[in-house]
Amino acid sequence: MTASIRSSRDIIIRTDDWPAAIAFYTSTLGFEVVYRSDTMMGFETGSFRLYVEKGEAHGPVFDFLVQNVQATKQALLASGCTLIEEDPAVPRCYLRDPFGMTFNLGLRDSSP
């Protein structure tokens, strides 16, 4: 595959115990809140930005940015990745690679 894939600083986790997770990341670890909505909260950790989302728990999801999400998704599926979850309204496209890493494909800004 010749597509240029780059990671962002974002990592997403989802939990069904959102209030406890929010309390842990703000009070116990002392992370600064940098994003807030009814279903997601973002924290600045230093090296990466952690987003905690309400919902059924799953493992960490890394964020990969590409110029063409659909073309890259198709190439990755053909290379052995599995589609885990997709929601164009978010937009969200979670894939798991053949070695167990889960990641979201996001659209990369085309500016230099």
N, C-alpha and C. Protein backbone atom coordinates (compact mmCIF):
# COMPACT_ATOMS: atom_id res chain seq x y z
N MET A 1 0.85 -1.17 0.00
CA MET A 1 0.00 0.00 0.00
C MET A 1 0.90 1.23 0.00
N THR A 2 0.56 2.20 -0.82
CA THR A 2 1.36 3.41 -0.91
C THR A 2 0.73 4.59 -0.18
N ALA A 3 -0.42 4.38 0.45
CA ALA A 3 -1.09 5.47 1.16
C ALA A 3 -0.24 5.93 2.33
N SER A 4 -0.19 7.22 2.53
CA SER A 4 0.56 7.81 3.63
C SER A 4 -0.35 7.87 4.86
N ILE A 5 -0.02 7.10 5.87
CA ILE A 5 -0.81 7.05 7.10
C ILE A 5 0.03 7.64 8.22
N ARG A 6 -0.55 8.58 8.95
CA ARG A 6 0.14 9.21 10.07
C ARG A 6 -0.78 9.17 11.28
N SER A 7 -0.19 9.02 12.44
CA SER A 7 -1.01 9.01 13.65
C SER A 7 -1.25 10.44 14.13
N SER A 8 -2.34 10.61 14.84
CA SER A 8 -2.58 11.86 15.56
C SER A 8 -2.14 11.62 17.00
N ARG A 9 -2.39 12.57 17.85
CA ARG A 9 -2.08 12.42 19.28
C ARG A 9 -3.25 11.83 20.05
N ASP A 10 -4.35 11.50 19.36
CA ASP A 10 -5.58 11.11 20.03
C ASP A 10 -5.67 9.61 20.28
N ILE A 11 -6.12 9.26 21.47
CA ILE A 11 -6.46 7.89 21.84
C ILE A 11 -7.84 7.94 22.47
N ILE A 12 -8.72 7.02 22.05
CA ILE A 12 -10.10 7.01 22.54
C ILE A 12 -10.33 5.72 23.33
N ILE A 13 -10.96 5.86 24.48
CA ILE A 13 -11.47 4.68 25.19
C ILE A 13 -12.96 4.91 25.41
N ARG A 14 -13.69 3.83 25.54
CA ARG A 14 -15.13 3.90 25.80
C ARG A 14 -15.39 3.10 27.07
N THR A 15 -16.27 3.63 27.90
CA THR A 15 -16.57 2.96 29.17
C THR A 15 -18.05 3.12 29.51
N ASP A 16 -18.60 2.10 30.15
CA ASP A 16 -19.98 2.20 30.62
C ASP A 16 -20.04 2.79 32.03
N ASP A 17 -18.88 3.10 32.63
CA ASP A 17 -18.82 3.76 33.93
C ASP A 17 -18.18 5.13 33.76
N TRP A 18 -18.82 5.94 32.92
CA TRP A 18 -18.29 7.25 32.53
C TRP A 18 -18.03 8.17 33.72
N PRO A 19 -18.97 8.31 34.68
CA PRO A 19 -18.69 9.20 35.82
C PRO A 19 -17.43 8.80 36.60
N ALA A 20 -17.24 7.52 36.82
CA ALA A 20 -16.05 7.07 37.55
C ALA A 20 -14.78 7.33 36.74
N ALA A 21 -14.85 7.12 35.43
CA ALA A 21 -13.68 7.37 34.58
C ALA A 21 -13.33 8.86 34.57
N ILE A 22 -14.33 9.71 34.46
CA ILE A 22 -14.09 11.15 34.47
C ILE A 22 -13.46 11.58 35.79
N ALA A 23 -13.98 11.07 36.89
CA ALA A 23 -13.42 11.39 38.21
C ALA A 23 -11.97 10.92 38.31
N PHE A 24 -11.69 9.73 37.80
CA PHE A 24 -10.33 9.19 37.87
C PHE A 24 -9.35 10.07 37.09
N TYR A 25 -9.71 10.40 35.85
CA TYR A 25 -8.77 11.16 35.01
C TYR A 25 -8.63 12.61 35.46
N THR A 26 -9.67 13.20 36.06
CA THR A 26 -9.55 14.58 36.53
C THR A 26 -8.95 14.65 37.93
N SER A 27 -9.48 13.86 38.86
CA SER A 27 -9.05 13.97 40.25
C SER A 27 -7.81 13.15 40.57
N THR A 28 -7.82 11.88 40.21
CA THR A 28 -6.70 11.01 40.57
C THR A 28 -5.45 11.34 39.76
N LEU A 29 -5.60 11.44 38.42
CA LEU A 29 -4.43 11.72 37.58
C LEU A 29 -4.22 13.21 37.34
N GLY A 30 -5.24 14.01 37.56
CA GLY A 30 -5.10 15.45 37.44
C GLY A 30 -4.96 15.99 36.03
N PHE A 31 -5.52 15.27 35.05
CA PHE A 31 -5.43 15.72 33.66
C PHE A 31 -6.36 16.91 33.42
N GLU A 32 -5.92 17.85 32.59
CA GLU A 32 -6.70 19.01 32.22
C GLU A 32 -7.77 18.63 31.20
N VAL A 33 -9.01 19.06 31.43
CA VAL A 33 -10.10 18.83 30.49
C VAL A 33 -9.96 19.84 29.35
N VAL A 34 -9.90 19.31 28.10
CA VAL A 34 -9.75 20.18 26.93
C VAL A 34 -10.91 20.05 25.96
N TYR A 35 -11.79 19.09 26.21
CA TYR A 35 -12.96 18.89 25.37
C TYR A 35 -14.07 18.31 26.24
N ARG A 36 -15.30 18.79 26.01
CA ARG A 36 -16.42 18.30 26.81
C ARG A 36 -17.68 18.29 25.97
N SER A 37 -18.38 17.15 25.96
CA SER A 37 -19.71 17.06 25.35
C SER A 37 -20.55 16.16 26.25
N ASP A 38 -21.77 15.89 25.84
CA ASP A 38 -22.64 15.02 26.66
C ASP A 38 -22.17 13.58 26.69
N THR A 39 -21.38 13.16 25.72
CA THR A 39 -20.98 11.75 25.62
C THR A 39 -19.47 11.53 25.58
N MET A 40 -18.69 12.62 25.58
CA MET A 40 -17.24 12.45 25.48
C MET A 40 -16.53 13.58 26.22
N MET A 41 -15.40 13.22 26.83
CA MET A 41 -14.55 14.22 27.47
C MET A 41 -13.12 13.96 27.03
N GLY A 42 -12.40 15.05 26.70
CA GLY A 42 -11.01 14.96 26.27
C GLY A 42 -10.08 15.52 27.32
N PHE A 43 -8.95 14.86 27.51
CA PHE A 43 -7.97 15.25 28.51
C PHE A 43 -6.60 15.42 27.86
N GLU A 44 -5.90 16.49 28.24
CA GLU A 44 -4.52 16.66 27.82
C GLU A 44 -3.63 15.92 28.81
N THR A 45 -2.82 14.99 28.29
CA THR A 45 -1.96 14.21 29.17
C THR A 45 -0.49 14.59 29.03
N GLY A 46 -0.16 15.34 28.02
CA GLY A 46 1.23 15.70 27.75
C GLY A 46 1.64 15.18 26.38
N SER A 47 1.87 13.89 26.26
CA SER A 47 2.29 13.30 24.99
C SER A 47 1.13 12.95 24.08
N PHE A 48 -0.02 12.69 24.64
CA PHE A 48 -1.19 12.35 23.84
C PHE A 48 -2.43 12.97 24.47
N ARG A 49 -3.49 13.02 23.69
CA ARG A 49 -4.78 13.51 24.18
C ARG A 49 -5.69 12.29 24.32
N LEU A 50 -6.24 12.11 25.51
CA LEU A 50 -7.10 10.98 25.82
C LEU A 50 -8.56 11.42 25.77
N TYR A 51 -9.36 10.70 24.98
CA TYR A 51 -10.80 10.95 24.92
C TYR A 51 -11.51 9.77 25.57
N VAL A 52 -12.42 10.07 26.50
CA VAL A 52 -13.20 9.05 27.19
C VAL A 52 -14.65 9.24 26.76
N GLU A 53 -15.21 8.18 26.18
CA GLU A 53 -16.55 8.23 25.61
C GLU A 53 -17.49 7.33 26.40
N LYS A 54 -18.74 7.78 26.55
CA LYS A 54 -19.77 6.94 27.17
C LYS A 54 -20.12 5.80 26.22
N GLY A 55 -20.28 4.60 26.76
CA GLY A 55 -20.73 3.48 25.94
C GLY A 55 -20.11 2.17 26.37
N GLU A 56 -20.43 1.14 25.63
CA GLU A 56 -19.91 -0.19 25.91
C GLU A 56 -18.39 -0.19 25.83
N ALA A 57 -17.76 -0.71 26.86
CA ALA A 57 -16.31 -0.68 26.95
C ALA A 57 -15.64 -1.44 25.80
N HIS A 58 -14.53 -0.90 25.37
CA HIS A 58 -13.64 -1.57 24.42
C HIS A 58 -12.23 -1.10 24.73
N GLY A 59 -11.26 -1.69 24.14
CA GLY A 59 -9.88 -1.31 24.39
C GLY A 59 -9.54 0.03 23.76
N PRO A 60 -8.31 0.49 23.95
CA PRO A 60 -7.87 1.77 23.38
C PRO A 60 -7.94 1.76 21.86
N VAL A 61 -8.32 2.90 21.30
CA VAL A 61 -8.38 3.08 19.85
C VAL A 61 -7.45 4.23 19.49
N PHE A 62 -6.46 3.94 18.67
CA PHE A 62 -5.55 4.97 18.18
C PHE A 62 -6.19 5.66 16.98
N ASP A 63 -5.65 6.80 16.60
CA ASP A 63 -6.23 7.60 15.53
C ASP A 63 -5.19 7.74 14.42
N PHE A 64 -5.51 7.25 13.23
CA PHE A 64 -4.64 7.37 12.07
C PHE A 64 -5.30 8.27 11.04
N LEU A 65 -4.55 9.19 10.49
CA LEU A 65 -5.07 10.17 9.54
C LEU A 65 -4.58 9.87 8.13
N VAL A 66 -5.51 9.92 7.18
CA VAL A 66 -5.20 9.60 5.78
C VAL A 66 -5.87 10.63 4.87
N GLN A 67 -5.46 10.66 3.61
CA GLN A 67 -6.05 11.60 2.66
C GLN A 67 -7.36 11.09 2.08
N ASN A 68 -7.53 9.76 2.03
CA ASN A 68 -8.76 9.19 1.47
C ASN A 68 -9.18 8.02 2.36
N VAL A 69 -10.14 8.26 3.23
CA VAL A 69 -10.56 7.26 4.21
C VAL A 69 -11.09 6.01 3.52
N GLN A 70 -12.00 6.15 2.56
CA GLN A 70 -12.62 4.98 1.93
C GLN A 70 -11.61 4.13 1.17
N ALA A 71 -10.73 4.76 0.40
CA ALA A 71 -9.73 4.00 -0.36
C ALA A 71 -8.76 3.29 0.57
N THR A 72 -8.34 3.99 1.63
CA THR A 72 -7.42 3.37 2.58
C THR A 72 -8.10 2.23 3.32
N LYS A 73 -9.36 2.44 3.70
CA LYS A 73 -10.12 1.38 4.38
C LYS A 73 -10.17 0.13 3.51
N GLN A 74 -10.50 0.29 2.24
CA GLN A 74 -10.60 -0.86 1.34
C GLN A 74 -9.25 -1.57 1.19
N ALA A 75 -8.17 -0.80 1.08
CA ALA A 75 -6.83 -1.41 0.96
C ALA A 75 -6.46 -2.16 2.24
N LEU A 76 -6.80 -1.60 3.38
CA LEU A 76 -6.48 -2.27 4.65
C LEU A 76 -7.33 -3.53 4.84
N LEU A 77 -8.60 -3.47 4.46
CA LEU A 77 -9.43 -4.68 4.54
C LEU A 77 -8.86 -5.77 3.64
N ALA A 78 -8.41 -5.41 2.46
CA ALA A 78 -7.81 -6.39 1.53
C ALA A 78 -6.49 -6.94 2.07
N SER A 79 -5.86 -6.21 2.99
CA SER A 79 -4.59 -6.64 3.57
C SER A 79 -4.76 -7.38 4.89
N GLY A 80 -6.01 -7.71 5.25
CA GLY A 80 -6.23 -8.53 6.44
C GLY A 80 -6.80 -7.81 7.64
N CYS A 81 -7.05 -6.51 7.55
CA CYS A 81 -7.69 -5.80 8.67
C CYS A 81 -9.17 -6.16 8.72
N THR A 82 -9.78 -5.97 9.88
CA THR A 82 -11.19 -6.25 10.10
C THR A 82 -11.91 -4.96 10.48
N LEU A 83 -13.06 -4.72 9.88
CA LEU A 83 -13.88 -3.57 10.25
C LEU A 83 -14.57 -3.88 11.58
N ILE A 84 -14.35 -3.03 12.57
CA ILE A 84 -14.91 -3.22 13.90
C ILE A 84 -16.19 -2.41 14.07
N GLU A 85 -16.16 -1.16 13.63
CA GLU A 85 -17.30 -0.27 13.80
C GLU A 85 -17.18 0.86 12.79
N GLU A 86 -18.31 1.24 12.19
CA GLU A 86 -18.28 2.36 11.25
C GLU A 86 -19.55 3.18 11.43
N ASP A 87 -19.38 4.50 11.51
CA ASP A 87 -20.50 5.41 11.65
C ASP A 87 -20.14 6.69 10.91
N PRO A 88 -20.61 6.84 9.66
CA PRO A 88 -20.27 8.03 8.88
C PRO A 88 -20.75 9.33 9.52
N ALA A 89 -21.75 9.28 10.39
CA ALA A 89 -22.27 10.49 11.02
C ALA A 89 -21.28 11.09 12.01
N VAL A 90 -20.36 10.28 12.57
CA VAL A 90 -19.45 10.79 13.60
C VAL A 90 -18.32 11.64 13.00
N PRO A 91 -17.58 11.36 12.01
CA PRO A 91 -17.37 10.08 11.33
C PRO A 91 -16.42 9.17 12.12
N ARG A 92 -16.66 7.87 11.98
CA ARG A 92 -15.87 6.88 12.70
C ARG A 92 -15.71 5.64 11.82
N CYS A 93 -14.50 5.15 11.74
CA CYS A 93 -14.20 3.91 11.02
C CYS A 93 -13.12 3.17 11.80
N TYR A 94 -13.55 2.28 12.70
CA TYR A 94 -12.62 1.51 13.53
C TYR A 94 -12.24 0.22 12.81
N LEU A 95 -10.94 0.00 12.70
CA LEU A 95 -10.40 -1.23 12.10
C LEU A 95 -9.47 -1.89 13.12
N ARG A 96 -9.34 -3.20 13.01
CA ARG A 96 -8.35 -3.94 13.81
C ARG A 96 -7.39 -4.59 12.83
N ASP A 97 -6.10 -4.37 13.06
CA ASP A 97 -5.13 -4.97 12.16
C ASP A 97 -4.93 -6.45 12.50
N PRO A 98 -4.25 -7.21 11.65
CA PRO A 98 -4.10 -8.65 11.89
C PRO A 98 -3.34 -8.99 13.17
N PHE A 99 -2.73 -7.98 13.81
CA PHE A 99 -1.90 -8.24 14.98
C PHE A 99 -2.54 -7.72 16.27
N GLY A 100 -3.79 -7.20 16.16
CA GLY A 100 -4.56 -6.85 17.35
C GLY A 100 -4.71 -5.38 17.67
N MET A 101 -4.07 -4.48 16.93
CA MET A 101 -4.22 -3.06 17.21
C MET A 101 -5.50 -2.52 16.58
N THR A 102 -6.27 -1.75 17.36
CA THR A 102 -7.49 -1.13 16.87
C THR A 102 -7.21 0.35 16.64
N PHE A 103 -7.69 0.85 15.49
CA PHE A 103 -7.46 2.25 15.16
C PHE A 103 -8.63 2.80 14.36
N ASN A 104 -8.78 4.11 14.45
CA ASN A 104 -9.75 4.86 13.68
C ASN A 104 -9.04 5.46 12.48
N LEU A 105 -9.71 5.46 11.33
CA LEU A 105 -9.19 6.18 10.17
C LEU A 105 -9.91 7.52 10.10
N GLY A 106 -9.13 8.59 10.13
CA GLY A 106 -9.69 9.93 10.05
C GLY A 106 -9.10 10.66 8.86
N LEU A 107 -9.76 11.71 8.45
CA LEU A 107 -9.33 12.49 7.30
C LEU A 107 -8.24 13.47 7.71
N ARG A 108 -7.11 13.39 7.00
CA ARG A 108 -5.98 14.28 7.27
C ARG A 108 -6.18 15.59 6.52
N ASP A 109 -5.85 16.67 7.17
CA ASP A 109 -5.88 17.99 6.55
C ASP A 109 -4.89 17.99 5.40
N SER A 110 -5.28 18.47 4.25
CA SER A 110 -4.42 18.44 3.08
C SER A 110 -3.43 19.59 3.04
N SER A 111 -3.52 20.54 3.98
CA SER A 111 -2.55 21.64 3.97
C SER A 111 -1.20 21.17 4.48
N PRO A 112 -0.12 21.79 4.02
CA PRO A 112 1.23 21.35 4.39
C PRO A 112 1.56 21.56 5.85
